[in-house]
Amino acid sequence: MFANCKKGATVVDCSTIDPVFSKTLHEQAEHLGLRFLDAPVSGGVTGAAAGTLSFMVGGSEETMSVRPYF
């Protein structure tokens, strides 16, 4: 899954997958020397059309402080 990521890269998962699977992805990323943020989006199609989507972001304090975000 992370084959094309360079060591030290930050991976941002914006899916709404099961939290247990997200934790598994985080552990795999960490093992490969990657940073990982779990950032699901809330609001659905209606929120997207209205411009009111919300991100809920979780990750280590160190990863959360990495700038800039693209």
PDB file of N, CA and C in Angstrom:
ATOM      1  N   MET A   1       0.808  -1.185   0.000  1.00  0.00           N
ATOM      2  CA  MET A   1       0.000   0.000   0.000  1.00  0.00           C
ATOM      3  C   MET A   1       0.863   1.266   0.000  1.00  0.00           C
ATOM      4  N   PHE A   2       2.013   1.245   0.630  1.00  0.00           N
ATOM      5  CA  PHE A   2       2.855   2.435   0.734  1.00  0.00           C
ATOM      6  C   PHE A   2       4.112   2.324  -0.127  1.00  0.00           C
ATOM      7  N   ALA A   3       4.068   1.476  -1.129  1.00  0.00           N
ATOM      8  CA  ALA A   3       5.256   1.167  -1.936  1.00  0.00           C
ATOM      9  C   ALA A   3       5.880   2.386  -2.598  1.00  0.00           C
ATOM     10  N   ASN A   4       5.102   3.389  -2.950  1.00  0.00           N
ATOM     11  CA  ASN A   4       5.631   4.552  -3.659  1.00  0.00           C
ATOM     12  C   ASN A   4       5.909   5.746  -2.752  1.00  0.00           C
ATOM     13  N   CYS A   5       5.810   5.531  -1.454  1.00  0.00           N
ATOM     14  CA  CYS A   5       6.056   6.627  -0.504  1.00  0.00           C
ATOM     15  C   CYS A   5       7.528   6.683  -0.131  1.00  0.00           C
ATOM     16  N   LYS A   6       8.070   7.887  -0.090  1.00  0.00           N
ATOM     17  CA  LYS A   6       9.451   8.066   0.337  1.00  0.00           C
ATOM     18  C   LYS A   6       9.503   8.122   1.857  1.00  0.00           C
ATOM     19  N   LYS A   7      10.554   7.533   2.422  1.00  0.00           N
ATOM     20  CA  LYS A   7      10.724   7.551   3.868  1.00  0.00           C
ATOM     21  C   LYS A   7      10.630   8.986   4.381  1.00  0.00           C
ATOM     22  N   GLY A   8       9.876   9.182   5.454  1.00  0.00           N
ATOM     23  CA  GLY A   8       9.685  10.497   6.032  1.00  0.00           C
ATOM     24  C   GLY A   8       8.456  11.227   5.513  1.00  0.00           C
ATOM     25  N   ALA A   9       7.818  10.671   4.466  1.00  0.00           N
ATOM     26  CA  ALA A   9       6.614  11.308   3.911  1.00  0.00           C
ATOM     27  C   ALA A   9       5.466  11.225   4.913  1.00  0.00           C
ATOM     28  N   THR A  10       4.529  12.154   4.782  1.00  0.00           N
ATOM     29  CA  THR A  10       3.330  12.131   5.606  1.00  0.00           C
ATOM     30  C   THR A  10       2.174  11.616   4.766  1.00  0.00           C
ATOM     31  N   VAL A  11       1.535  10.563   5.241  1.00  0.00           N
ATOM     32  CA  VAL A  11       0.380   9.972   4.577  1.00  0.00           C
ATOM     33  C   VAL A  11      -0.859  10.455   5.312  1.00  0.00           C
ATOM     34  N   VAL A  12      -1.823  11.003   4.564  1.00  0.00           N
ATOM     35  CA  VAL A  12      -3.074  11.484   5.151  1.00  0.00           C
ATOM     36  C   VAL A  12      -4.199  10.622   4.607  1.00  0.00           C
ATOM     37  N   ASP A  13      -4.845   9.868   5.488  1.00  0.00           N
ATOM     38  CA  ASP A  13      -5.959   8.999   5.101  1.00  0.00           C
ATOM     39  C   ASP A  13      -7.265   9.737   5.346  1.00  0.00           C
ATOM     40  N   CYS A  14      -7.948  10.115   4.270  1.00  0.00           N
ATOM     41  CA  CYS A  14      -9.205  10.867   4.374  1.00  0.00           C
ATOM     42  C   CYS A  14     -10.426   9.982   4.169  1.00  0.00           C
ATOM     43  N   SER A  15     -10.244   8.688   4.264  1.00  0.00           N
ATOM     44  CA  SER A  15     -11.373   7.770   4.106  1.00  0.00           C
ATOM     45  C   SER A  15     -12.159   7.673   5.413  1.00  0.00           C
ATOM     46  N   THR A  16     -13.236   6.939   5.361  1.00  0.00           N
ATOM     47  CA  THR A  16     -14.038   6.701   6.565  1.00  0.00           C
ATOM     48  C   THR A  16     -14.003   5.211   6.909  1.00  0.00           C
ATOM     49  N   ILE A  17     -12.799   4.639   6.845  1.00  0.00           N
ATOM     50  CA  ILE A  17     -12.633   3.218   7.133  1.00  0.00           C
ATOM     51  C   ILE A  17     -12.782   2.946   8.628  1.00  0.00           C
ATOM     52  N   ASP A  18     -12.880   1.689   8.951  1.00  0.00           N
ATOM     53  CA  ASP A  18     -12.983   1.239  10.335  1.00  0.00           C
ATOM     54  C   ASP A  18     -11.765   1.721  11.129  1.00  0.00           C
ATOM     55  N   PRO A  19     -11.968   2.208  12.349  1.00  0.00           N
ATOM     56  CA  PRO A  19     -10.845   2.704  13.156  1.00  0.00           C
ATOM     57  C   PRO A  19      -9.757   1.653  13.408  1.00  0.00           C
ATOM     58  N   VAL A  20     -10.143   0.397  13.508  1.00  0.00           N
ATOM     59  CA  VAL A  20      -9.150  -0.667  13.729  1.00  0.00           C
ATOM     60  C   VAL A  20      -8.239  -0.786  12.505  1.00  0.00           C
ATOM     61  N   PHE A  21      -8.820  -0.704  11.303  1.00  0.00           N
ATOM     62  CA  PHE A  21      -8.014  -0.780  10.092  1.00  0.00           C
ATOM     63  C   PHE A  21      -7.120   0.451   9.964  1.00  0.00           C
ATOM     64  N   SER A  22      -7.640   1.599  10.339  1.00  0.00           N
ATOM     65  CA  SER A  22      -6.837   2.826  10.314  1.00  0.00           C
ATOM     66  C   SER A  22      -5.621   2.686  11.221  1.00  0.00           C
ATOM     67  N   LYS A  23      -5.806   2.089  12.392  1.00  0.00           N
ATOM     68  CA  LYS A  23      -4.686   1.855  13.316  1.00  0.00           C
ATOM     69  C   LYS A  23      -3.666   0.918  12.676  1.00  0.00           C
ATOM     70  N   THR A  24      -4.141  -0.095  11.965  1.00  0.00           N
ATOM     71  CA  THR A  24      -3.250  -1.024  11.268  1.00  0.00           C
ATOM     72  C   THR A  24      -2.428  -0.278  10.208  1.00  0.00           C
ATOM     73  N   LEU A  25      -3.090   0.592   9.458  1.00  0.00           N
ATOM     74  CA  LEU A  25      -2.373   1.383   8.453  1.00  0.00           C
ATOM     75  C   LEU A  25      -1.319   2.269   9.112  1.00  0.00           C
ATOM     76  N   HIS A  26      -1.680   2.875  10.233  1.00  0.00           N
ATOM     77  CA  HIS A  26      -0.741   3.723  10.966  1.00  0.00           C
ATOM     78  C   HIS A  26       0.492   2.918  11.369  1.00  0.00           C
ATOM     79  N   GLU A  27       0.277   1.728  11.894  1.00  0.00           N
ATOM     80  CA  GLU A  27       1.397   0.885  12.325  1.00  0.00           C
ATOM     81  C   GLU A  27       2.269   0.490  11.143  1.00  0.00           C
ATOM     82  N   GLN A  28       1.649   0.151   9.996  1.00  0.00           N
ATOM     83  CA  GLN A  28       2.421  -0.208   8.802  1.00  0.00           C
ATOM     84  C   GLN A  28       3.237   0.983   8.321  1.00  0.00           C
ATOM     85  N   ALA A  29       2.609   2.149   8.287  1.00  0.00           N
ATOM     86  CA  ALA A  29       3.307   3.359   7.837  1.00  0.00           C
ATOM     87  C   ALA A  29       4.493   3.667   8.751  1.00  0.00           C
ATOM     88  N   GLU A  30       4.258   3.607  10.037  1.00  0.00           N
ATOM     89  CA  GLU A  30       5.321   3.883  11.017  1.00  0.00           C
ATOM     90  C   GLU A  30       6.485   2.913  10.837  1.00  0.00           C
ATOM     91  N   HIS A  31       6.179   1.645  10.613  1.00  0.00           N
ATOM     92  CA  HIS A  31       7.212   0.621  10.405  1.00  0.00           C
ATOM     93  C   HIS A  31       8.078   0.945   9.188  1.00  0.00           C
ATOM     94  N   LEU A  32       7.480   1.607   8.189  1.00  0.00           N
ATOM     95  CA  LEU A  32       8.199   1.964   6.962  1.00  0.00           C
ATOM     96  C   LEU A  32       8.864   3.342   7.033  1.00  0.00           C
ATOM     97  N   GLY A  33       8.789   3.983   8.198  1.00  0.00           N
ATOM     98  CA  GLY A  33       9.415   5.290   8.361  1.00  0.00           C
ATOM     99  C   GLY A  33       8.577   6.430   7.810  1.00  0.00           C
ATOM    100  N   LEU A  34       7.256   6.226   7.754  1.00  0.00           N
ATOM    101  CA  LEU A  34       6.339   7.245   7.266  1.00  0.00           C
ATOM    102  C   LEU A  34       5.578   7.857   8.438  1.00  0.00           C
ATOM    103  N   ARG A  35       5.079   9.068   8.227  1.00  0.00           N
ATOM    104  CA  ARG A  35       4.171   9.685   9.204  1.00  0.00           C
ATOM    105  C   ARG A  35       2.752   9.402   8.722  1.00  0.00           C
ATOM    106  N   PHE A  36       1.798   9.316   9.638  1.00  0.00           N
ATOM    107  CA  PHE A  36       0.430   8.965   9.255  1.00  0.00           C
ATOM    108  C   PHE A  36      -0.570   9.818  10.012  1.00  0.00           C
ATOM    109  N   LEU A  37      -1.510  10.382   9.271  1.00  0.00           N
ATOM    110  CA  LEU A  37      -2.614  11.113   9.881  1.00  0.00           C
ATOM    111  C   LEU A  37      -3.921  10.465   9.447  1.00  0.00           C
ATOM    112  N   ASP A  38      -4.781  10.215  10.396  1.00  0.00           N
ATOM    113  CA  ASP A  38      -6.131   9.724  10.127  1.00  0.00           C
ATOM    114  C   ASP A  38      -7.019  10.955  10.063  1.00  0.00           C
ATOM    115  N   ALA A  39      -7.584  11.255   8.893  1.00  0.00           N
ATOM    116  CA  ALA A  39      -8.333  12.503   8.712  1.00  0.00           C
ATOM    117  C   ALA A  39      -9.635  12.266   7.942  1.00  0.00           C
ATOM    118  N   PRO A  40     -10.583  11.532   8.540  1.00  0.00           N
ATOM    119  CA  PRO A  40     -11.843  11.301   7.827  1.00  0.00           C
ATOM    120  C   PRO A  40     -12.614  12.597   7.617  1.00  0.00           C
ATOM    121  N   VAL A  41     -13.440  12.579   6.581  1.00  0.00           N
ATOM    122  CA  VAL A  41     -14.243  13.742   6.204  1.00  0.00           C
ATOM    123  C   VAL A  41     -15.689  13.478   6.586  1.00  0.00           C
ATOM    124  N   SER A  42     -16.332  14.479   7.158  1.00  0.00           N
ATOM    125  CA  SER A  42     -17.730  14.358   7.550  1.00  0.00           C
ATOM    126  C   SER A  42     -18.558  15.392   6.787  1.00  0.00           C
ATOM    127  N   GLY A  43     -19.718  14.986   6.344  1.00  0.00           N
ATOM    128  CA  GLY A  43     -20.616  15.929   5.679  1.00  0.00           C
ATOM    129  C   GLY A  43     -21.272  15.370   4.437  1.00  0.00           C
ATOM    130  N   GLY A  44     -20.645  14.361   3.836  1.00  0.00           N
ATOM    131  CA  GLY A  44     -21.227  13.707   2.671  1.00  0.00           C
ATOM    132  C   GLY A  44     -21.403  14.635   1.483  1.00  0.00           C
ATOM    133  N   VAL A  45     -22.210  14.192   0.537  1.00  0.00           N
ATOM    134  CA  VAL A  45     -22.452  14.927  -0.693  1.00  0.00           C
ATOM    135  C   VAL A  45     -23.110  16.277  -0.402  1.00  0.00           C
ATOM    136  N   THR A  46     -24.048  16.282   0.532  1.00  0.00           N
ATOM    137  CA  THR A  46     -24.731  17.529   0.886  1.00  0.00           C
ATOM    138  C   THR A  46     -23.740  18.551   1.438  1.00  0.00           C
ATOM    139  N   GLY A  47     -22.866  18.102   2.326  1.00  0.00           N
ATOM    140  CA  GLY A  47     -21.862  18.996   2.895  1.00  0.00           C
ATOM    141  C   GLY A  47     -20.884  19.494   1.845  1.00  0.00           C
ATOM    142  N   ALA A  48     -20.532  18.631   0.901  1.00  0.00           N
ATOM    143  CA  ALA A  48     -19.624  19.039  -0.163  1.00  0.00           C
ATOM    144  C   ALA A  48     -20.273  20.124  -1.026  1.00  0.00           C
ATOM    145  N   ALA A  49     -21.529  19.924  -1.374  1.00  0.00           N
ATOM    146  CA  ALA A  49     -22.244  20.904  -2.194  1.00  0.00           C
ATOM    147  C   ALA A  49     -22.385  22.240  -1.460  1.00  0.00           C
ATOM    148  N   ALA A  50     -22.556  22.172  -0.140  1.00  0.00           N
ATOM    149  CA  ALA A  50     -22.739  23.393   0.652  1.00  0.00           C
ATOM    150  C   ALA A  50     -21.416  24.015   1.092  1.00  0.00           C
ATOM    151  N   GLY A  51     -20.312  23.318   0.856  1.00  0.00           N
ATOM    152  CA  GLY A  51     -19.008  23.820   1.292  1.00  0.00           C
ATOM    153  C   GLY A  51     -18.825  23.754   2.794  1.00  0.00           C
ATOM    154  N   THR A  52     -19.448  22.751   3.428  1.00  0.00           N
ATOM    155  CA  THR A  52     -19.392  22.659   4.892  1.00  0.00           C
ATOM    156  C   THR A  52     -18.792  21.344   5.389  1.00  0.00           C
ATOM    157  N   LEU A  53     -17.930  20.728   4.602  1.00  0.00           N
ATOM    158  CA  LEU A  53     -17.288  19.490   5.047  1.00  0.00           C
ATOM    159  C   LEU A  53     -16.398  19.756   6.247  1.00  0.00           C
ATOM    160  N   SER A  54     -16.245  18.750   7.097  1.00  0.00           N
ATOM    161  CA  SER A  54     -15.375  18.854   8.273  1.00  0.00           C
ATOM    162  C   SER A  54     -14.366  17.720   8.258  1.00  0.00           C
ATOM    163  N   PHE A  55     -13.114  18.031   8.594  1.00  0.00           N
ATOM    164  CA  PHE A  55     -12.075  17.023   8.773  1.00  0.00           C
ATOM    165  C   PHE A  55     -11.859  16.823  10.262  1.00  0.00           C
ATOM    166  N   MET A  56     -11.748  15.572  10.667  1.00  0.00           N
ATOM    167  CA  MET A  56     -11.398  15.234  12.058  1.00  0.00           C
ATOM    168  C   MET A  56     -10.041  14.551  11.965  1.00  0.00           C
ATOM    169  N   VAL A  57      -9.007  15.192  12.441  1.00  0.00           N
ATOM    170  CA  VAL A  57      -7.649  14.715  12.213  1.00  0.00           C
ATOM    171  C   VAL A  57      -7.042  14.162  13.491  1.00  0.00           C
ATOM    172  N   GLY A  58      -6.465  12.975  13.374  1.00  0.00           N
ATOM    173  CA  GLY A  58      -5.785  12.358  14.499  1.00  0.00           C
ATOM    174  C   GLY A  58      -4.418  11.855  14.076  1.00  0.00           C
ATOM    175  N   GLY A  59      -3.459  11.976  14.955  1.00  0.00           N
ATOM    176  CA  GLY A  59      -2.110  11.500  14.690  1.00  0.00           C
ATOM    177  C   GLY A  59      -1.210  11.936  15.829  1.00  0.00           C
ATOM    178  N   SER A  60       0.051  11.591  15.722  1.00  0.00           N
ATOM    179  CA  SER A  60       0.986  11.971  16.777  1.00  0.00           C
ATOM    180  C   SER A  60       1.176  13.480  16.786  1.00  0.00           C
ATOM    181  N   GLU A  61       1.550  14.007  17.938  1.00  0.00           N
ATOM    182  CA  GLU A  61       1.802  15.449  18.055  1.00  0.00           C
ATOM    183  C   GLU A  61       2.887  15.880  17.072  1.00  0.00           C
ATOM    184  N   GLU A  62       3.907  15.063  16.923  1.00  0.00           N
ATOM    185  CA  GLU A  62       5.005  15.373  16.005  1.00  0.00           C
ATOM    186  C   GLU A  62       4.502  15.482  14.566  1.00  0.00           C
ATOM    187  N   THR A  63       3.683  14.535  14.133  1.00  0.00           N
ATOM    188  CA  THR A  63       3.170  14.559  12.767  1.00  0.00           C
ATOM    189  C   THR A  63       2.204  15.715  12.560  1.00  0.00           C
ATOM    190  N   MET A  64       1.386  16.004  13.551  1.00  0.00           N
ATOM    191  CA  MET A  64       0.426  17.100  13.434  1.00  0.00           C
ATOM    192  C   MET A  64       1.137  18.447  13.294  1.00  0.00           C
ATOM    193  N   SER A  65       2.369  18.546  13.782  1.00  0.00           N
ATOM    194  CA  SER A  65       3.081  19.819  13.726  1.00  0.00           C
ATOM    195  C   SER A  65       3.869  20.013  12.435  1.00  0.00           C
ATOM    196  N   VAL A  66       3.889  19.011  11.557  1.00  0.00           N
ATOM    197  CA  VAL A  66       4.616  19.121  10.292  1.00  0.00           C
ATOM    198  C   VAL A  66       3.901  20.131   9.399  1.00  0.00           C
ATOM    199  N   ARG A  67       4.649  21.052   8.808  1.00  0.00           N
ATOM    200  CA  ARG A  67       4.093  22.048   7.903  1.00  0.00           C
ATOM    201  C   ARG A  67       4.924  22.060   6.646  1.00  0.00           C
ATOM    202  N   PRO A  68       4.488  22.454   5.522  1.00  0.00           N
ATOM    203  CA  PRO A  68       3.114  22.840   5.226  1.00  0.00           C
ATOM    204  C   PRO A  68       2.277  21.625   4.859  1.00  0.00           C
ATOM    205  N   TYR A  69       0.970  21.802   4.887  1.00  0.00           N
ATOM    206  CA  TYR A  69       0.038  20.769   4.423  1.00  0.00           C
ATOM    207  C   TYR A  69      -0.334  21.094   2.987  1.00  0.00           C
ATOM    208  N   PHE A  70      -0.367  20.100   2.147  1.00  0.00           N
ATOM    209  CA  PHE A  70      -0.762  20.298   0.744  1.00  0.00           C
ATOM    210  C   PHE A  70      -1.981  19.473   0.466  1.00  0.00           C
TER     211      PHE A  70
END
